[in-house]
């Protein structure tokens, strides 16, 4: 959990939106909406919106889902919201039957994307090939231009 997510007081509308999305997760998995319940809904990661990029909120919750047969299931959910121009937009929801799977999901989602794409061998190969092609075409073009000017 990020420290900045602990200190923020969210508005009632944000809590309500997160709660509604969590309930929708249960109904999509065909659990009874009247008997199932969401427990321990909380924000675990927060990135504020800035001038150059949208913000992001990650929420997690535990749920007790009652299936159509009446069996009880303990579920672990995660919600990802994008903050775009001050509006909360749901971008991804996930339900897991194991808390470890949810933790791995949250860990992957809360880490910034890797900016070391040029370290991959295939990327270096294709970038190098493109540069070699540009240099070869430029050399051919210049030699044809020089031969045209001389004639």
N, C-alpha and C. Protein backbone atom coordinates (compact mmCIF):
# COMPACT_ATOMS: atom_id res chain seq x y z
N UNK A 1 0.84 -1.16 0.00
CA UNK A 1 0.00 0.00 0.00
C UNK A 1 0.90 1.23 0.00
N UNK A 2 0.59 2.18 -0.87
CA UNK A 2 1.40 3.38 -0.90
C UNK A 2 1.00 4.31 0.23
N UNK A 3 1.96 5.01 0.83
CA UNK A 3 1.65 5.88 1.96
C UNK A 3 0.67 6.99 1.61
N UNK A 4 0.74 7.51 0.36
CA UNK A 4 -0.15 8.61 0.02
C UNK A 4 -1.60 8.15 -0.08
N UNK A 5 -1.85 6.87 -0.32
CA UNK A 5 -3.23 6.36 -0.39
C UNK A 5 -3.85 6.30 1.00
N UNK A 6 -3.04 6.14 2.04
CA UNK A 6 -3.55 6.05 3.41
C UNK A 6 -4.08 7.39 3.92
N UNK A 7 -3.48 8.49 3.50
CA UNK A 7 -3.77 9.80 4.09
C UNK A 7 -4.92 10.54 3.42
N UNK A 8 -5.37 10.10 2.28
CA UNK A 8 -6.37 10.84 1.52
C UNK A 8 -7.77 10.48 1.98
N UNK A 9 -8.59 11.49 2.16
CA UNK A 9 -9.99 11.29 2.45
C UNK A 9 -10.74 11.40 1.13
N UNK A 10 -11.32 10.30 0.68
CA UNK A 10 -12.04 10.30 -0.59
C UNK A 10 -13.47 10.77 -0.38
N UNK A 11 -14.02 11.37 -1.42
CA UNK A 11 -15.39 11.87 -1.32
C UNK A 11 -16.38 10.69 -1.32
N UNK A 12 -17.60 10.99 -0.92
CA UNK A 12 -18.64 9.98 -0.86
C UNK A 12 -18.91 9.41 -2.25
N UNK A 13 -18.83 10.25 -3.29
CA UNK A 13 -19.08 9.79 -4.66
C UNK A 13 -18.02 8.78 -5.10
N UNK A 14 -16.77 9.01 -4.72
CA UNK A 14 -15.70 8.07 -5.09
C UNK A 14 -15.91 6.74 -4.39
N UNK A 15 -16.23 6.78 -3.09
CA UNK A 15 -16.50 5.54 -2.35
C UNK A 15 -17.68 4.80 -2.97
N UNK A 16 -18.70 5.53 -3.34
CA UNK A 16 -19.88 4.92 -3.91
C UNK A 16 -19.56 4.29 -5.27
N UNK A 17 -18.78 4.99 -6.10
CA UNK A 17 -18.41 4.45 -7.41
C UNK A 17 -17.57 3.17 -7.26
N UNK A 18 -16.62 3.19 -6.33
CA UNK A 18 -15.79 2.00 -6.11
C UNK A 18 -16.65 0.84 -5.60
N UNK A 19 -17.58 1.13 -4.71
CA UNK A 19 -18.46 0.09 -4.17
C UNK A 19 -19.36 -0.49 -5.26
N UNK A 20 -19.91 0.36 -6.12
CA UNK A 20 -20.77 -0.12 -7.20
C UNK A 20 -19.99 -1.01 -8.17
N UNK A 21 -18.76 -0.63 -8.49
CA UNK A 21 -17.95 -1.45 -9.40
C UNK A 21 -17.60 -2.79 -8.75
N UNK A 22 -17.36 -2.78 -7.47
CA UNK A 22 -17.08 -4.04 -6.77
C UNK A 22 -18.31 -4.95 -6.80
N UNK A 23 -19.49 -4.39 -6.60
CA UNK A 23 -20.72 -5.19 -6.68
C UNK A 23 -20.95 -5.72 -8.09
N UNK A 24 -20.61 -4.92 -9.10
CA UNK A 24 -20.74 -5.39 -10.48
C UNK A 24 -19.82 -6.57 -10.75
N UNK A 25 -18.65 -6.57 -10.13
CA UNK A 25 -17.73 -7.72 -10.27
C UNK A 25 -18.41 -9.00 -9.81
N UNK A 26 -19.11 -8.91 -8.68
CA UNK A 26 -19.80 -10.09 -8.16
C UNK A 26 -20.93 -10.54 -9.08
N UNK A 27 -21.70 -9.59 -9.57
CA UNK A 27 -22.83 -9.99 -10.43
C UNK A 27 -22.36 -10.52 -11.77
N UNK A 28 -21.24 -10.03 -12.29
CA UNK A 28 -20.69 -10.58 -13.53
C UNK A 28 -20.24 -12.02 -13.35
N UNK A 29 -19.81 -12.35 -12.16
CA UNK A 29 -19.41 -13.74 -11.87
C UNK A 29 -20.60 -14.59 -11.44
N UNK A 30 -21.79 -14.05 -11.59
CA UNK A 30 -23.06 -14.75 -11.33
C UNK A 30 -23.26 -15.13 -9.87
N UNK A 31 -22.84 -14.24 -8.97
CA UNK A 31 -23.16 -14.41 -7.56
C UNK A 31 -24.42 -13.61 -7.26
N UNK A 32 -25.16 -14.04 -6.29
CA UNK A 32 -26.42 -13.39 -5.92
C UNK A 32 -26.14 -11.97 -5.40
N UNK A 33 -26.67 -10.93 -6.05
CA UNK A 33 -26.39 -9.56 -5.60
C UNK A 33 -27.02 -9.21 -4.25
N UNK A 34 -28.12 -9.88 -3.90
CA UNK A 34 -28.78 -9.57 -2.63
C UNK A 34 -28.08 -10.22 -1.44
N UNK A 35 -27.59 -11.43 -1.62
CA UNK A 35 -26.98 -12.15 -0.50
C UNK A 35 -25.47 -11.95 -0.41
N UNK A 36 -24.82 -11.63 -1.50
CA UNK A 36 -23.36 -11.42 -1.50
C UNK A 36 -23.05 -10.05 -0.93
N UNK A 37 -21.85 -9.91 -0.41
CA UNK A 37 -21.49 -8.60 0.16
C UNK A 37 -20.00 -8.31 -0.04
N UNK A 38 -19.70 -7.03 -0.08
CA UNK A 38 -18.33 -6.52 -0.21
C UNK A 38 -17.84 -6.14 1.16
N UNK A 39 -16.62 -6.55 1.47
CA UNK A 39 -16.02 -6.21 2.76
C UNK A 39 -14.65 -5.59 2.52
N UNK A 40 -14.29 -4.67 3.38
CA UNK A 40 -12.95 -4.12 3.44
C UNK A 40 -12.51 -3.48 2.11
N UNK A 41 -13.32 -2.62 1.55
CA UNK A 41 -12.98 -1.88 0.35
C UNK A 41 -12.00 -0.78 0.71
N UNK A 42 -10.87 -0.71 0.01
CA UNK A 42 -9.84 0.28 0.35
C UNK A 42 -9.00 0.62 -0.88
N UNK A 43 -8.48 1.85 -0.88
CA UNK A 43 -7.56 2.29 -1.93
C UNK A 43 -6.15 1.89 -1.52
N UNK A 44 -5.43 1.19 -2.40
CA UNK A 44 -4.10 0.72 -2.05
C UNK A 44 -3.00 1.42 -2.84
N UNK A 45 -3.36 2.13 -3.90
CA UNK A 45 -2.35 2.84 -4.69
C UNK A 45 -3.01 4.04 -5.34
N UNK A 46 -2.30 5.16 -5.31
CA UNK A 46 -2.85 6.39 -5.85
C UNK A 46 -1.76 7.15 -6.59
N UNK A 47 -2.04 7.50 -7.82
CA UNK A 47 -1.17 8.39 -8.61
C UNK A 47 -2.04 9.57 -9.00
N UNK A 48 -1.65 10.74 -8.58
CA UNK A 48 -2.43 11.94 -8.88
C UNK A 48 -2.32 12.28 -10.37
N UNK A 49 -3.36 12.88 -10.89
CA UNK A 49 -3.35 13.36 -12.27
C UNK A 49 -2.43 14.56 -12.37
N UNK A 50 -1.65 14.62 -13.43
CA UNK A 50 -0.75 15.75 -13.63
C UNK A 50 -1.01 16.38 -15.00
N UNK A 51 -0.26 17.40 -15.31
CA UNK A 51 -0.41 18.06 -16.60
C UNK A 51 -0.07 17.14 -17.77
N UNK A 52 0.85 16.21 -17.55
CA UNK A 52 1.33 15.37 -18.65
C UNK A 52 0.75 13.97 -18.69
N UNK A 53 0.09 13.52 -17.64
CA UNK A 53 -0.46 12.17 -17.66
C UNK A 53 -1.68 12.05 -16.75
N UNK A 54 -2.50 11.05 -17.06
CA UNK A 54 -3.69 10.79 -16.26
C UNK A 54 -3.29 10.17 -14.93
N UNK A 55 -4.18 10.25 -13.97
CA UNK A 55 -3.95 9.64 -12.67
C UNK A 55 -4.45 8.20 -12.64
N UNK A 56 -4.22 7.55 -11.51
CA UNK A 56 -4.59 6.14 -11.39
C UNK A 56 -4.87 5.81 -9.94
N UNK A 57 -5.92 5.04 -9.70
CA UNK A 57 -6.24 4.55 -8.36
C UNK A 57 -6.42 3.04 -8.44
N UNK A 58 -5.83 2.33 -7.51
CA UNK A 58 -6.03 0.89 -7.38
C UNK A 58 -6.75 0.63 -6.06
N UNK A 59 -7.84 -0.08 -6.13
CA UNK A 59 -8.63 -0.43 -4.95
C UNK A 59 -8.66 -1.94 -4.84
N UNK A 60 -8.71 -2.44 -3.63
CA UNK A 60 -8.91 -3.87 -3.44
C UNK A 60 -9.98 -4.09 -2.38
N UNK A 61 -10.55 -5.29 -2.41
CA UNK A 61 -11.62 -5.62 -1.48
C UNK A 61 -11.70 -7.13 -1.33
N UNK A 62 -12.36 -7.52 -0.27
CA UNK A 62 -12.70 -8.91 -0.07
C UNK A 62 -14.21 -9.01 -0.22
N UNK A 63 -14.68 -10.15 -0.67
CA UNK A 63 -16.12 -10.32 -0.87
C UNK A 63 -16.55 -11.72 -0.46
N UNK A 64 -17.75 -11.80 0.00
CA UNK A 64 -18.40 -13.08 0.26
C UNK A 64 -19.46 -13.23 -0.82
N UNK A 65 -19.25 -14.18 -1.73
CA UNK A 65 -20.18 -14.40 -2.82
C UNK A 65 -21.00 -15.65 -2.60
N UNK A 66 -22.28 -15.53 -2.79
CA UNK A 66 -23.19 -16.67 -2.68
C UNK A 66 -23.60 -17.06 -4.10
N UNK A 67 -23.26 -18.29 -4.50
CA UNK A 67 -23.58 -18.73 -5.85
C UNK A 67 -25.05 -19.15 -5.94
N UNK A 68 -25.56 -19.43 -7.16
CA UNK A 68 -26.98 -19.79 -7.31
C UNK A 68 -27.40 -21.04 -6.52
N UNK A 69 -26.45 -21.91 -6.20
CA UNK A 69 -26.76 -23.12 -5.44
C UNK A 69 -26.83 -22.82 -3.95
N UNK A 70 -26.26 -21.68 -3.53
CA UNK A 70 -26.28 -21.30 -2.12
C UNK A 70 -24.95 -21.50 -1.42
N UNK A 71 -23.93 -21.90 -2.16
CA UNK A 71 -22.59 -22.06 -1.56
C UNK A 71 -21.93 -20.71 -1.39
N UNK A 72 -21.14 -20.64 -0.35
CA UNK A 72 -20.45 -19.40 0.01
C UNK A 72 -19.01 -19.45 -0.49
N UNK A 73 -18.55 -18.35 -1.13
CA UNK A 73 -17.19 -18.26 -1.66
C UNK A 73 -16.54 -16.99 -1.11
N UNK A 74 -15.28 -17.11 -0.71
CA UNK A 74 -14.50 -15.94 -0.32
C UNK A 74 -13.69 -15.53 -1.54
N UNK A 75 -13.86 -14.29 -1.95
CA UNK A 75 -13.22 -13.78 -3.15
C UNK A 75 -12.39 -12.55 -2.83
N UNK A 76 -11.38 -12.32 -3.65
CA UNK A 76 -10.48 -11.18 -3.49
C UNK A 76 -10.52 -10.38 -4.78
N UNK A 77 -10.92 -9.13 -4.67
CA UNK A 77 -11.10 -8.32 -5.87
C UNK A 77 -10.13 -7.15 -5.94
N UNK A 78 -9.96 -6.68 -7.16
CA UNK A 78 -9.12 -5.50 -7.42
C UNK A 78 -9.82 -4.64 -8.47
N UNK A 79 -9.76 -3.35 -8.29
CA UNK A 79 -10.35 -2.40 -9.21
C UNK A 79 -9.28 -1.38 -9.60
N UNK A 80 -9.22 -1.05 -10.87
CA UNK A 80 -8.31 -0.01 -11.32
C UNK A 80 -9.14 1.10 -11.96
N UNK A 81 -8.91 2.32 -11.50
CA UNK A 81 -9.60 3.48 -12.02
C UNK A 81 -8.57 4.43 -12.62
N UNK A 82 -8.93 5.02 -13.74
CA UNK A 82 -8.11 6.06 -14.35
C UNK A 82 -8.75 7.40 -14.00
N UNK A 83 -7.93 8.37 -13.64
CA UNK A 83 -8.43 9.71 -13.34
C UNK A 83 -8.13 10.57 -14.56
N UNK A 84 -9.18 10.94 -15.29
CA UNK A 84 -9.03 11.69 -16.52
C UNK A 84 -9.81 12.99 -16.41
N UNK A 85 -9.08 14.09 -16.41
CA UNK A 85 -9.67 15.43 -16.28
C UNK A 85 -10.55 15.54 -15.04
N UNK A 86 -10.08 14.94 -13.96
CA UNK A 86 -10.78 15.00 -12.69
C UNK A 86 -11.92 14.00 -12.54
N UNK A 87 -12.18 13.20 -13.56
CA UNK A 87 -13.26 12.21 -13.50
C UNK A 87 -12.68 10.81 -13.28
N UNK A 88 -13.38 10.02 -12.49
CA UNK A 88 -12.96 8.65 -12.20
C UNK A 88 -13.55 7.73 -13.26
N UNK A 89 -12.69 7.04 -13.99
CA UNK A 89 -13.13 6.16 -15.07
C UNK A 89 -12.61 4.76 -14.79
N UNK A 90 -13.51 3.77 -14.68
CA UNK A 90 -13.09 2.39 -14.42
C UNK A 90 -12.34 1.86 -15.64
N UNK A 91 -11.17 1.30 -15.41
CA UNK A 91 -10.40 0.77 -16.54
C UNK A 91 -10.19 -0.73 -16.45
N UNK A 92 -10.22 -1.31 -15.26
CA UNK A 92 -9.99 -2.74 -15.15
C UNK A 92 -10.53 -3.26 -13.82
N UNK A 93 -11.14 -4.44 -13.85
CA UNK A 93 -11.59 -5.10 -12.64
C UNK A 93 -11.15 -6.55 -12.69
N UNK A 94 -10.88 -7.12 -11.52
CA UNK A 94 -10.45 -8.51 -11.47
C UNK A 94 -10.90 -9.13 -10.15
N UNK A 95 -11.27 -10.41 -10.22
CA UNK A 95 -11.65 -11.17 -9.03
C UNK A 95 -10.77 -12.41 -8.97
N UNK A 96 -10.30 -12.72 -7.77
CA UNK A 96 -9.43 -13.87 -7.57
C UNK A 96 -9.96 -14.71 -6.42
N UNK A 97 -9.66 -15.99 -6.46
CA UNK A 97 -10.05 -16.86 -5.36
C UNK A 97 -8.92 -17.03 -4.36
N UNK A 98 -7.78 -16.42 -4.63
CA UNK A 98 -6.62 -16.51 -3.75
C UNK A 98 -6.04 -15.11 -3.57
N UNK A 99 -5.72 -14.74 -2.34
CA UNK A 99 -5.20 -13.40 -2.08
C UNK A 99 -3.82 -13.19 -2.68
N UNK A 100 -3.04 -14.26 -2.82
CA UNK A 100 -1.70 -14.13 -3.42
C UNK A 100 -1.78 -13.73 -4.89
N UNK A 101 -2.76 -14.26 -5.60
CA UNK A 101 -2.93 -13.87 -7.00
C UNK A 101 -3.29 -12.39 -7.11
N UNK A 102 -4.15 -11.93 -6.20
CA UNK A 102 -4.51 -10.52 -6.22
C UNK A 102 -3.30 -9.66 -5.91
N UNK A 103 -2.48 -10.07 -4.95
CA UNK A 103 -1.29 -9.29 -4.60
C UNK A 103 -0.33 -9.19 -5.79
N UNK A 104 -0.16 -10.27 -6.53
CA UNK A 104 0.69 -10.22 -7.73
C UNK A 104 0.11 -9.27 -8.77
N UNK A 105 -1.20 -9.33 -8.94
CA UNK A 105 -1.86 -8.43 -9.88
C UNK A 105 -1.65 -6.97 -9.46
N UNK A 106 -1.87 -6.67 -8.18
CA UNK A 106 -1.71 -5.31 -7.69
C UNK A 106 -0.27 -4.84 -7.81
N UNK A 107 0.66 -5.74 -7.56
CA UNK A 107 2.08 -5.38 -7.66
C UNK A 107 2.44 -5.03 -9.10
N UNK A 108 1.94 -5.81 -10.06
CA UNK A 108 2.22 -5.52 -11.47
C UNK A 108 1.58 -4.22 -11.92
N UNK A 109 0.38 -3.94 -11.42
CA UNK A 109 -0.34 -2.73 -11.84
C UNK A 109 0.20 -1.47 -11.18
N UNK A 110 0.76 -1.57 -9.99
CA UNK A 110 1.23 -0.38 -9.29
C UNK A 110 2.64 0.02 -9.69
N UNK A 111 3.38 -0.88 -10.33
CA UNK A 111 4.72 -0.54 -10.78
C UNK A 111 4.64 0.22 -12.09
N UNK A 112 5.49 1.24 -12.26
CA UNK A 112 5.47 1.96 -13.53
C UNK A 112 6.00 1.06 -14.64
N UNK A 113 5.55 1.27 -15.88
CA UNK A 113 6.03 0.43 -16.97
C UNK A 113 7.53 0.61 -17.18
N UNK A 114 8.15 -0.46 -17.57
CA UNK A 114 9.60 -0.43 -17.77
C UNK A 114 9.95 0.45 -18.96
N UNK A 115 10.92 1.33 -18.75
CA UNK A 115 11.36 2.22 -19.83
C UNK A 115 12.67 1.72 -20.44
N UNK A 116 13.03 0.50 -20.16
CA UNK A 116 14.27 -0.06 -20.66
C UNK A 116 14.01 -0.96 -21.86
N UNK A 117 13.17 -0.50 -22.79
CA UNK A 117 12.79 -1.33 -23.92
C UNK A 117 13.99 -1.58 -24.84
N UNK A 118 14.96 -0.69 -24.88
CA UNK A 118 16.11 -0.86 -25.77
C UNK A 118 17.07 -1.93 -25.28
N UNK A 119 16.86 -2.45 -24.10
CA UNK A 119 17.72 -3.52 -23.60
C UNK A 119 17.35 -4.89 -24.15
N UNK A 120 16.17 -5.01 -24.72
CA UNK A 120 15.77 -6.29 -25.30
C UNK A 120 16.56 -6.54 -26.58
N UNK A 121 17.11 -7.74 -26.77
CA UNK A 121 17.91 -8.02 -27.97
C UNK A 121 17.13 -7.85 -29.27
N UNK A 122 15.87 -8.24 -29.29
CA UNK A 122 15.11 -8.11 -30.53
C UNK A 122 14.90 -6.64 -30.90
N UNK A 123 14.68 -5.79 -29.90
CA UNK A 123 14.50 -4.36 -30.17
C UNK A 123 15.79 -3.77 -30.72
N UNK A 124 16.92 -4.13 -30.10
CA UNK A 124 18.20 -3.63 -30.60
C UNK A 124 18.45 -4.08 -32.03
N UNK A 125 18.09 -5.33 -32.34
CA UNK A 125 18.28 -5.84 -33.70
C UNK A 125 17.49 -5.02 -34.71
N UNK A 126 16.18 -4.79 -34.43
CA UNK A 126 15.34 -4.08 -35.38
C UNK A 126 15.71 -2.60 -35.50
N UNK A 127 16.10 -1.98 -34.41
CA UNK A 127 16.54 -0.59 -34.48
C UNK A 127 17.85 -0.49 -35.26
N UNK A 128 18.78 -1.41 -34.99
CA UNK A 128 20.04 -1.44 -35.74
C UNK A 128 19.82 -1.70 -37.22
N UNK A 129 18.91 -2.62 -37.54
CA UNK A 129 18.60 -2.91 -38.94
C UNK A 129 18.00 -1.69 -39.63
N UNK A 130 17.14 -0.99 -38.95
CA UNK A 130 16.54 0.21 -39.54
C UNK A 130 17.60 1.28 -39.80
N UNK A 131 18.50 1.49 -38.86
CA UNK A 131 19.56 2.48 -39.06
C UNK A 131 20.48 2.07 -40.21
N UNK A 132 20.85 0.79 -40.31
CA UNK A 132 21.70 0.32 -41.41
C UNK A 132 21.01 0.52 -42.75
N UNK A 133 19.71 0.26 -42.80
CA UNK A 133 18.94 0.47 -44.04
C UNK A 133 18.92 1.94 -44.43
N UNK A 134 18.72 2.80 -43.47
CA UNK A 134 18.71 4.24 -43.75
C UNK A 134 20.06 4.70 -44.27
N UNK A 135 21.13 4.24 -43.64
CA UNK A 135 22.49 4.62 -44.07
C UNK A 135 22.76 4.10 -45.47
N UNK A 136 22.39 2.85 -45.76
CA UNK A 136 22.62 2.27 -47.09
C UNK A 136 21.82 3.02 -48.15
N UNK A 137 20.55 3.31 -47.89
CA UNK A 137 19.74 4.05 -48.86
C UNK A 137 20.26 5.46 -49.07
N UNK A 138 20.73 6.09 -48.02
CA UNK A 138 21.31 7.44 -48.14
C UNK A 138 22.57 7.40 -48.99
N UNK A 139 23.42 6.39 -48.77
CA UNK A 139 24.66 6.27 -49.55
C UNK A 139 24.33 6.03 -51.02
N UNK A 140 23.35 5.19 -51.32
CA UNK A 140 22.97 4.94 -52.71
C UNK A 140 22.41 6.21 -53.34
N UNK A 141 21.55 6.91 -52.60
CA UNK A 141 20.96 8.14 -53.12
C UNK A 141 22.04 9.19 -53.42
N UNK A 142 23.01 9.35 -52.51
CA UNK A 142 24.08 10.33 -52.72
C UNK A 142 24.94 9.93 -53.91
N UNK A 143 25.28 8.66 -54.05
CA UNK A 143 26.10 8.23 -55.19
C UNK A 143 25.35 8.43 -56.50
N UNK A 144 24.05 8.16 -56.55
CA UNK A 144 23.27 8.43 -57.76
C UNK A 144 23.18 9.92 -58.06
N UNK A 145 23.07 10.74 -57.02
CA UNK A 145 23.01 12.20 -57.20
C UNK A 145 24.34 12.71 -57.74
N UNK A 146 25.43 12.21 -57.21
CA UNK A 146 26.77 12.64 -57.67
C UNK A 146 26.98 12.22 -59.12
N UNK A 147 26.59 10.99 -59.48
CA UNK A 147 26.77 10.54 -60.86
C UNK A 147 25.87 11.32 -61.81
N UNK A 148 24.70 11.73 -61.38
CA UNK A 148 23.79 12.53 -62.21
C UNK A 148 24.37 13.92 -62.43
N UNK A 149 24.97 14.51 -61.38
CA UNK A 149 25.53 15.86 -61.48
C UNK A 149 26.75 15.84 -62.41
N UNK A 150 27.57 14.81 -62.39
CA UNK A 150 28.77 14.73 -63.23
C UNK A 150 28.43 14.53 -64.70
N UNK A 151 27.31 13.95 -64.98
CA UNK A 151 27.00 13.67 -66.39
C UNK A 151 26.30 14.79 -67.10
